[in-house]
């Protein structure tokens, strides 16, 4: 499916779409635009008055329709047809935000990740390179594995990293490939990969099991009056004391927009809050946002993920700060409060 949205009408004519796009010379593409982070990015761009956007996703998944139905954009392209469309319309595009990916960490079919995360992204990179188009893409903190080499976005360490699942492998495989291409001068004029840490916030209603712990905590409290957290199986950490870098999606898209507006150094960057917090902190913040007393139970971490469980992640954000990004990140308490009170409780979207 390829179509153009003009006000409230749809024109399902590929050639007509081309003619309309030729009226613009500064179109932005956002892949994964029907998903959690991608839809929030489109909203962020809209807030800046940027509506000349082509959104890309699998639009057959109707559970994601509310994420983008009220956004402003010029056209929409099905994910399966995007690369061919992009080759034909590259001259009308100035920047691609490649946010779309297969993100299911419980999927272990490597071929799926090779197709959707590695090869698909390589195709986008090549078109951007050949046509001088800026590329900002989503990598992942899942590339760090158990953190044997720390959580610094030092590009010399990237080939050493040991992700814990095929999803993390796919993101790291592409990062390594991108660095090799850049070393050979085969890269977009401006390119930036961002290792997203534990992102939470509005527009993740459709994510089911893969939604943030805050989303699940909210629903458990509303339905049962308590929250279940994984018990620690590591003597270094107390129950609920496992630490993660939770980053509010509004902060994340602020960074992406900053990168779009500023010609920072090409490369791969961390994107987290820079401060690790416990799951106990997260649960207590959710109860507080609902004006309820904490009621927390602990359950064993499932055997199938126990040996792959990260007990600590924290983004070193110095590299991005050195490029001029100085906006403070939202605290966990304030982020949870905004998310719970202004979105989850109202079932609203960003």
Protein backbone atom coordinates (compact mmCIF):
# COMPACT_ATOMS: atom_id res chain seq x y z
CA UNK A 1 0.00 0.00 0.00
CA UNK A 2 1.27 3.43 -0.95
CA UNK A 3 -0.94 6.41 -0.36
CA UNK A 4 -0.94 10.12 0.25
CA UNK A 5 -3.00 11.78 2.93
CA UNK A 6 -4.29 15.25 2.11
CA UNK A 7 -6.48 16.67 4.85
CA UNK A 8 -9.00 13.81 5.20
CA UNK A 9 -8.84 12.24 1.76
CA UNK A 10 -6.78 9.29 0.55
CA UNK A 11 -5.45 9.01 -2.98
CA UNK A 12 -4.25 5.46 -3.67
CA UNK A 13 -2.26 6.29 -6.78
CA UNK A 14 1.49 5.81 -6.71
CA UNK A 15 2.07 8.18 -9.63
CA UNK A 16 -0.14 10.82 -8.04
CA UNK A 17 1.86 10.44 -4.85
CA UNK A 18 5.03 11.19 -6.81
CA UNK A 19 3.56 14.35 -8.29
CA UNK A 20 2.50 15.62 -4.89
CA UNK A 21 5.90 14.90 -3.35
CA UNK A 22 7.59 16.84 -6.11
CA UNK A 23 6.04 19.98 -4.63
CA UNK A 24 8.42 19.59 -1.68
CA UNK A 25 12.19 19.45 -1.46
CA UNK A 26 12.71 18.88 2.24
CA UNK A 27 10.66 15.84 3.15
CA UNK A 28 11.54 13.81 6.24
CA UNK A 29 10.98 10.07 6.51
CA UNK A 30 10.14 8.37 9.81
CA UNK A 31 10.13 4.57 9.78
CA UNK A 32 8.31 2.73 12.55
CA UNK A 33 6.00 5.74 12.64
CA UNK A 34 2.99 3.73 13.82
CA UNK A 35 4.95 2.32 16.72
CA UNK A 36 5.81 3.62 20.17
CA UNK A 37 8.91 5.77 19.66
CA UNK A 38 8.30 6.53 15.99
CA UNK A 39 4.84 7.99 16.60
CA UNK A 40 6.17 10.11 19.47
CA UNK A 41 8.87 11.41 17.14
CA UNK A 42 6.27 12.38 14.53
CA UNK A 43 4.38 14.24 17.27
CA UNK A 44 7.59 16.02 18.29
CA UNK A 45 8.22 17.09 14.70
CA UNK A 46 4.62 18.29 14.40
CA UNK A 47 5.09 20.38 17.56
CA UNK A 48 7.94 22.13 15.75
CA UNK A 49 5.67 22.87 12.79
CA UNK A 50 7.21 20.13 10.65
CA UNK A 51 4.49 18.32 8.72
CA UNK A 52 6.31 17.43 5.50
CA UNK A 53 6.79 13.88 6.68
CA UNK A 54 6.47 10.48 5.03
CA UNK A 55 5.58 7.82 7.60
CA UNK A 56 6.58 4.19 7.10
CA UNK A 57 5.27 1.09 8.91
CA UNK A 58 3.19 -2.05 8.59
CA UNK A 59 -0.18 -0.31 8.55
CA UNK A 60 -2.11 -3.59 8.53
CA UNK A 61 -1.62 -3.75 12.32
CA UNK A 62 -4.74 -1.85 13.33
CA UNK A 63 -3.88 -1.93 17.03
CA UNK A 64 -1.36 0.84 16.26
CA UNK A 65 -3.73 3.09 14.31
CA UNK A 66 -4.39 5.47 17.21
CA UNK A 67 -0.66 6.20 17.47
CA UNK A 68 -0.64 8.09 14.19
CA UNK A 69 -4.22 8.82 13.15
CA UNK A 70 -4.16 12.42 14.46
CA UNK A 71 -0.61 13.20 13.35
CA UNK A 72 0.18 15.53 10.47
CA UNK A 73 2.09 14.02 7.56
CA UNK A 74 2.11 14.11 3.77
CA UNK A 75 2.23 10.46 2.91
CA UNK A 76 2.48 6.90 4.18
CA UNK A 77 4.37 3.98 2.68
CA UNK A 78 4.10 0.33 3.63
CA UNK A 79 7.27 -1.02 5.20
CA UNK A 80 7.56 -3.83 2.65
CA UNK A 81 7.52 -1.35 -0.24
CA UNK A 82 9.56 1.43 1.32
CA UNK A 83 13.05 0.64 0.01
CA UNK A 84 11.89 0.57 -3.63
CA UNK A 85 9.82 3.70 -3.06
CA UNK A 86 12.78 5.41 -1.39
CA UNK A 87 15.03 4.73 -4.37
CA UNK A 88 12.51 6.38 -6.67
CA UNK A 89 11.87 9.41 -4.44
CA UNK A 90 15.26 9.97 -2.83
CA UNK A 91 15.64 13.41 -4.39
CA UNK A 92 12.67 14.69 -2.36
CA UNK A 93 14.06 13.45 0.98
CA UNK A 94 16.58 15.26 3.18
CA UNK A 95 16.59 13.10 6.33
CA UNK A 96 15.53 9.62 7.41
CA UNK A 97 14.77 8.73 11.02
CA UNK A 98 14.97 4.95 10.91
CA UNK A 99 13.18 3.95 14.12
CA UNK A 100 11.34 0.88 12.85
CA UNK A 101 12.72 -2.53 13.84
CA UNK A 102 11.78 -5.95 15.13
CA UNK A 103 12.29 -5.41 18.87
CA UNK A 104 11.01 -8.64 20.43
CA UNK A 105 13.77 -9.85 22.75
CA UNK A 106 11.94 -13.17 23.21
CA UNK A 107 12.17 -13.99 19.48
CA UNK A 108 15.11 -16.29 18.72
CA UNK A 109 14.73 -16.75 14.96
CA UNK A 110 17.89 -15.02 13.76
CA UNK A 111 16.74 -14.89 10.13
CA UNK A 112 13.87 -12.54 11.08
CA UNK A 113 16.31 -10.06 12.64
CA UNK A 114 18.74 -10.40 9.73
CA UNK A 115 15.96 -9.44 7.34
CA UNK A 116 14.17 -6.70 9.27
CA UNK A 117 16.94 -5.16 11.38
CA UNK A 118 20.21 -5.74 9.52
CA UNK A 119 19.63 -6.03 5.77
CA UNK A 120 16.69 -3.60 5.70
CA UNK A 121 18.78 -0.97 7.49
CA UNK A 122 21.71 -1.58 5.15
CA UNK A 123 19.42 -0.88 2.19
CA UNK A 124 18.30 2.41 3.75
CA UNK A 125 21.91 3.36 4.55
CA UNK A 126 22.97 2.74 0.95
CA UNK A 127 20.20 4.91 -0.52
CA UNK A 128 21.03 7.68 1.95
CA UNK A 129 24.72 7.42 1.04
CA UNK A 130 24.13 7.49 -2.71
CA UNK A 131 21.83 10.52 -2.47
CA UNK A 132 23.47 12.57 0.31
CA UNK A 133 20.58 12.08 2.75
CA UNK A 134 21.06 12.37 6.51
CA UNK A 135 20.34 9.21 8.51
CA UNK A 136 19.48 8.93 12.21
CA UNK A 137 18.83 5.36 13.27
CA UNK A 138 17.90 3.40 16.38
CA UNK A 139 20.45 1.04 17.86
CA UNK A 140 19.94 -0.42 21.34
CA UNK A 141 21.48 -0.80 24.78
CA UNK A 142 20.76 -4.51 24.28
CA UNK A 143 24.05 -4.52 22.39
CA UNK A 144 25.90 -4.19 25.73
CA UNK A 145 24.86 -7.62 26.99
CA UNK A 146 25.85 -8.06 30.61
CA UNK A 147 28.00 -4.94 30.46
CA UNK A 148 31.34 -6.75 30.45
CA UNK A 149 32.87 -3.78 28.63
CA UNK A 150 30.87 -1.12 30.42
CA UNK A 151 28.21 1.18 29.00
CA UNK A 152 30.42 3.73 27.27
CA UNK A 153 29.62 4.51 23.64
CA UNK A 154 33.27 3.99 22.72
CA UNK A 155 33.14 2.83 19.11
CA UNK A 156 36.40 0.87 19.44
CA UNK A 157 34.64 -1.46 21.89
CA UNK A 158 31.60 -2.17 19.72
CA UNK A 159 33.12 -5.24 17.97
CA UNK A 160 33.85 -6.73 21.41
CA UNK A 161 30.30 -6.51 22.78
CA UNK A 162 28.36 -9.69 23.58
CA UNK A 163 24.59 -9.18 23.31
CA UNK A 164 22.36 -11.70 25.07
CA UNK A 165 19.81 -12.37 22.32
CA UNK A 166 19.34 -12.24 18.54
CA UNK A 167 17.71 -8.79 18.79
CA UNK A 168 20.79 -7.34 20.48
CA UNK A 169 23.02 -9.21 18.02
CA UNK A 170 21.18 -7.68 15.07
CA UNK A 171 21.62 -4.16 16.39
CA UNK A 172 25.29 -4.72 17.12
CA UNK A 173 25.87 -6.38 13.74
CA UNK A 174 24.54 -3.31 11.99
CA UNK A 175 26.57 -0.92 14.18
CA UNK A 176 29.74 -2.82 13.28
CA UNK A 177 28.82 -2.77 9.59
CA UNK A 178 28.05 0.98 9.71
CA UNK A 179 31.38 1.76 11.31
CA UNK A 180 33.15 -0.25 8.61
CA UNK A 181 31.28 1.58 5.87
CA UNK A 182 32.07 4.96 7.44
CA UNK A 183 35.76 4.05 7.71
CA UNK A 184 35.76 3.41 3.96
CA UNK A 185 33.94 6.68 3.27
CA UNK A 186 30.76 4.89 2.19
CA UNK A 187 28.32 6.69 4.47
CA UNK A 188 25.65 9.39 4.51
CA UNK A 189 26.95 12.95 4.96
CA UNK A 190 25.40 13.04 8.43
CA UNK A 191 24.73 9.77 10.21
CA UNK A 192 24.01 8.98 13.85
CA UNK A 193 23.10 5.74 15.57
CA UNK A 194 21.56 5.92 19.05
CA UNK A 195 21.66 3.11 21.58
CA UNK A 196 18.24 3.44 23.22
CA UNK A 197 18.16 2.32 26.86
CA UNK A 198 14.92 1.41 28.72
CA UNK A 199 12.41 3.71 27.06
CA UNK A 200 8.95 4.28 28.56
CA UNK A 201 6.08 6.64 27.88
CA UNK A 202 2.89 7.21 25.89
CA UNK A 203 1.89 5.34 22.74
CA UNK A 204 3.01 1.86 23.85
CA UNK A 205 -0.50 0.47 24.39
CA UNK A 206 -0.04 -2.00 21.52
CA UNK A 207 3.24 -3.52 22.72
CA UNK A 208 1.72 -6.19 24.99
CA UNK A 209 4.47 -8.18 26.73
CA UNK A 210 7.19 -5.89 25.32
CA UNK A 211 5.68 -2.72 26.86
CA UNK A 212 7.60 -0.97 29.64
CA UNK A 213 7.50 -2.14 33.26
CA UNK A 214 5.70 1.10 34.11
CA UNK A 215 2.90 0.24 31.68
CA UNK A 216 2.52 -3.21 33.23
CA UNK A 217 2.79 -1.86 36.77
CA UNK A 218 0.01 0.64 36.12
CA UNK A 219 -2.30 -2.08 34.84
CA UNK A 220 -1.48 -4.44 37.70
CA UNK A 221 -2.23 -1.74 40.26
CA UNK A 222 -5.52 -0.82 38.58
CA UNK A 223 -6.61 -4.46 38.20
CA UNK A 224 -5.22 -6.13 41.31
CA UNK A 225 -3.97 -3.43 43.65
CA UNK A 226 -0.38 -4.67 43.68
CA UNK A 227 2.74 -4.92 41.51
CA UNK A 228 4.83 -8.02 40.87
CA UNK A 229 8.57 -7.55 40.40
CA UNK A 230 11.25 -10.12 39.66
CA UNK A 231 13.12 -11.44 42.65
CA UNK A 232 16.89 -11.01 42.49
CA UNK A 233 18.93 -14.13 41.78
CA UNK A 234 22.19 -12.24 42.12
CA UNK A 235 23.58 -11.82 45.66
CA UNK A 236 24.90 -8.35 44.75
CA UNK A 237 21.35 -7.03 44.35
CA UNK A 238 18.35 -7.06 46.68
CA UNK A 239 14.87 -7.97 45.45
CA UNK A 240 13.72 -5.04 43.35
CA UNK A 241 17.19 -3.54 43.56
CA UNK A 242 18.05 -4.40 39.97
CA UNK A 243 19.13 -1.19 38.23
CA UNK A 244 18.21 0.08 34.78
CA UNK A 245 18.57 3.34 32.93
CA UNK A 246 14.93 4.35 32.36
CA UNK A 247 14.55 7.17 29.82
CA UNK A 248 11.29 9.01 29.15
CA UNK A 249 10.32 8.91 25.49
CA UNK A 250 9.79 12.69 25.40
CA UNK A 251 13.45 13.15 26.35
CA UNK A 252 14.49 10.64 23.72
CA UNK A 253 12.71 12.41 20.88
CA UNK A 254 14.14 15.73 22.10
CA UNK A 255 17.60 14.27 21.52
CA UNK A 256 16.63 13.01 18.07
CA UNK A 257 15.28 16.43 17.13
CA UNK A 258 18.44 18.12 18.46
CA UNK A 259 20.51 15.81 16.28
CA UNK A 260 18.40 16.66 13.25
CA UNK A 261 18.84 20.40 13.82
CA UNK A 262 22.54 20.35 14.72
CA UNK A 263 25.42 18.92 12.74
CA UNK A 264 27.01 16.93 15.54
CA UNK A 265 29.89 14.53 14.93
CA UNK A 266 28.92 11.41 13.01
CA UNK A 267 28.90 8.19 14.98
CA UNK A 268 27.13 6.00 17.52
CA UNK A 269 25.82 7.48 20.78
CA UNK A 270 24.17 6.33 23.97
CA UNK A 271 20.66 7.60 24.59
CA UNK A 272 19.52 7.09 28.16
CA UNK A 273 18.91 9.30 31.17
CA UNK A 274 22.44 8.71 32.39
CA UNK A 275 21.20 7.62 35.82
CA UNK A 276 20.38 4.04 36.81
CA UNK A 277 17.35 3.54 39.06
CA UNK A 278 15.90 0.46 40.73
CA UNK A 279 12.71 -1.34 39.77
CA UNK A 280 11.59 -0.69 43.32
CA UNK A 281 11.94 3.06 42.67
CA UNK A 282 9.90 2.63 39.51
CA UNK A 283 7.10 0.71 41.23
CA UNK A 284 6.91 3.19 44.12
CA UNK A 285 6.77 6.11 41.66
CA UNK A 286 3.85 4.44 39.87
CA UNK A 287 1.93 3.96 43.12
CA UNK A 288 2.62 7.59 44.07
CA UNK A 289 1.37 8.84 40.70
CA UNK A 290 -1.87 6.97 41.41
CA UNK A 291 -1.99 8.30 44.99
CA UNK A 292 -1.84 4.77 46.41
CA UNK A 293 0.29 3.11 49.06
CA UNK A 294 2.91 0.71 47.62
CA UNK A 295 1.97 -2.97 47.59
CA UNK A 296 4.77 -4.95 45.97
CA UNK A 297 5.25 -8.72 45.61
CA UNK A 298 8.28 -10.56 44.28
CA UNK A 299 8.27 -13.52 41.92
CA UNK A 300 11.10 -15.66 40.55
CA UNK A 301 12.66 -14.52 37.31
CA UNK A 302 11.60 -17.07 34.64
CA UNK A 303 14.22 -19.75 34.07
CA UNK A 304 14.33 -19.12 30.30
CA UNK A 305 15.59 -15.54 30.74
CA UNK A 306 17.37 -15.81 34.08
CA UNK A 307 20.85 -16.24 32.61
CA UNK A 308 20.22 -13.40 30.15
CA UNK A 309 18.90 -10.93 32.70
CA UNK A 310 20.64 -7.54 33.00
CA UNK A 311 21.03 -6.43 36.61
CA UNK A 312 22.53 -3.06 35.76
CA UNK A 313 22.51 -0.63 32.84
CA UNK A 314 23.47 3.02 32.83
CA UNK A 315 24.22 5.17 29.82
CA UNK A 316 27.40 7.21 29.85
CA UNK A 317 26.06 10.38 28.19
CA UNK A 318 29.32 12.36 28.07
CA UNK A 319 29.77 11.85 24.34
CA UNK A 320 26.44 13.49 23.49
CA UNK A 321 26.93 16.25 26.07
CA UNK A 322 30.29 17.04 24.46
CA UNK A 323 28.39 17.71 21.22
CA UNK A 324 26.38 20.46 22.92
CA UNK A 325 23.31 18.66 24.24
CA UNK A 326 22.67 20.17 27.67
CA UNK A 327 18.95 19.78 28.31
CA UNK A 328 18.33 17.95 31.63
CA UNK A 329 16.63 14.56 31.45
CA UNK A 330 13.32 14.05 33.22
CA UNK A 331 13.63 12.33 36.60
CA UNK A 332 12.03 8.91 36.94
CA UNK A 333 9.47 10.29 39.39
CA UNK A 334 8.44 13.17 37.13
CA UNK A 335 8.39 11.02 34.01
CA UNK A 336 6.24 8.35 35.64
CA UNK A 337 3.88 10.99 37.02
CA UNK A 338 3.38 12.58 33.61
CA UNK A 339 2.96 9.23 31.89
CA UNK A 340 0.52 7.82 34.43
CA UNK A 341 -1.60 10.90 35.05
CA UNK A 342 -1.70 12.45 31.58
CA UNK A 343 -1.66 9.37 29.36
CA UNK A 344 -2.31 5.97 30.96
CA UNK A 345 -5.10 7.17 33.26
CA UNK A 346 -6.77 8.99 30.38
CA UNK A 347 -5.90 6.43 27.70
CA UNK A 348 -4.56 9.32 25.66
CA UNK A 349 -1.75 9.59 23.12
CA UNK A 350 1.23 11.86 22.60
